[in-house]
């Protein structure tokens, strides 16, 4: 299998997510709104504003624009020269709509179209590692003399890693229970009854659906009701509400919603798996730091971002300056 065929499902899972990110809160979250993460970037951008009259900034693997939002809190409407790069076309379109004046580029972080030294500040939050650990070296070449490379990177066995692992297991259990297909079959039979159809078919579909309902209850009991960003709980709740008030909902719309949720669940499974795959352990982190120092960077910070010394880390943090 070639590299493109291996990475294509991951790209598609994230593109599916960003394509629906503005219209749905399902499967959101993942550490980007943690107060400590927000504080990290607030401090970074305050420092940039205080010490640089102007700055060419690029955000690598921008996603939903969490880093740009942090910059906006500091700069207000007077953002510096800001470029966003992401492999997802949907993500870039969304960012260009949300942030006027921001330049969006659809590209792989490991193979960006920019010349060496094109930017004063190169940043990435939970992003560059998805292009492979070597992509960190690739984006470091974009930093101009006197510039900085500033990264938050997924930490293997950190807090987000633990949450992703639980979410992946929960979603896989949900899929094994065939909740979505059995739910669709039940609603199709139920709406047929409302139109004078066979009640026996509905009863049989309900009998087959019952174990899937029990499976979701067991999943929430095992992993917590907030697992997978609350989405399993929301689906469970919404299906129950619709079933109780079926006459107030259009059958085709209900089935369409369930089919869309099935697609979102598949994409979410892919994203969680990719998050676990790209998280960096201590040995890999030390090698990244060693390589950056060999290429001439001076480390201003190279440690973990955590709420306390004994708390699970949220990320690896890198602040490196090119003299």
Foldseek 3Di string as FASTA:
>chain_A
DDPCVVCVLLQVLLLLCLLCVVPDPALDDQQLPPPLNLVVLLVVLVVCVVPDPAWAEEEEQCAQPSSVVSNCVNQPLPHGNYEYEHLHPSNQVNVCVVRPNYHYDRDQLQDDPDAFCQTQEYEYEQGNLLSPLCSLVSCNRNHHAFHKYKYWHFAAVFPSLVLLVLLLVLLVLLVVLVQLVLLLQLLVQVVCVVVVDDVVSNVVSVVSNVVSLVSLVVSCVVRNCCRSNNNSVVVSVVSVVCVVVVVVDDSVVVNVVSVSVVVSSVSSSSNSVSSNVRHDYPVSLVVSVVVCVVVAKDWPDFAFRDPDPPHGGSGTITMIHHD
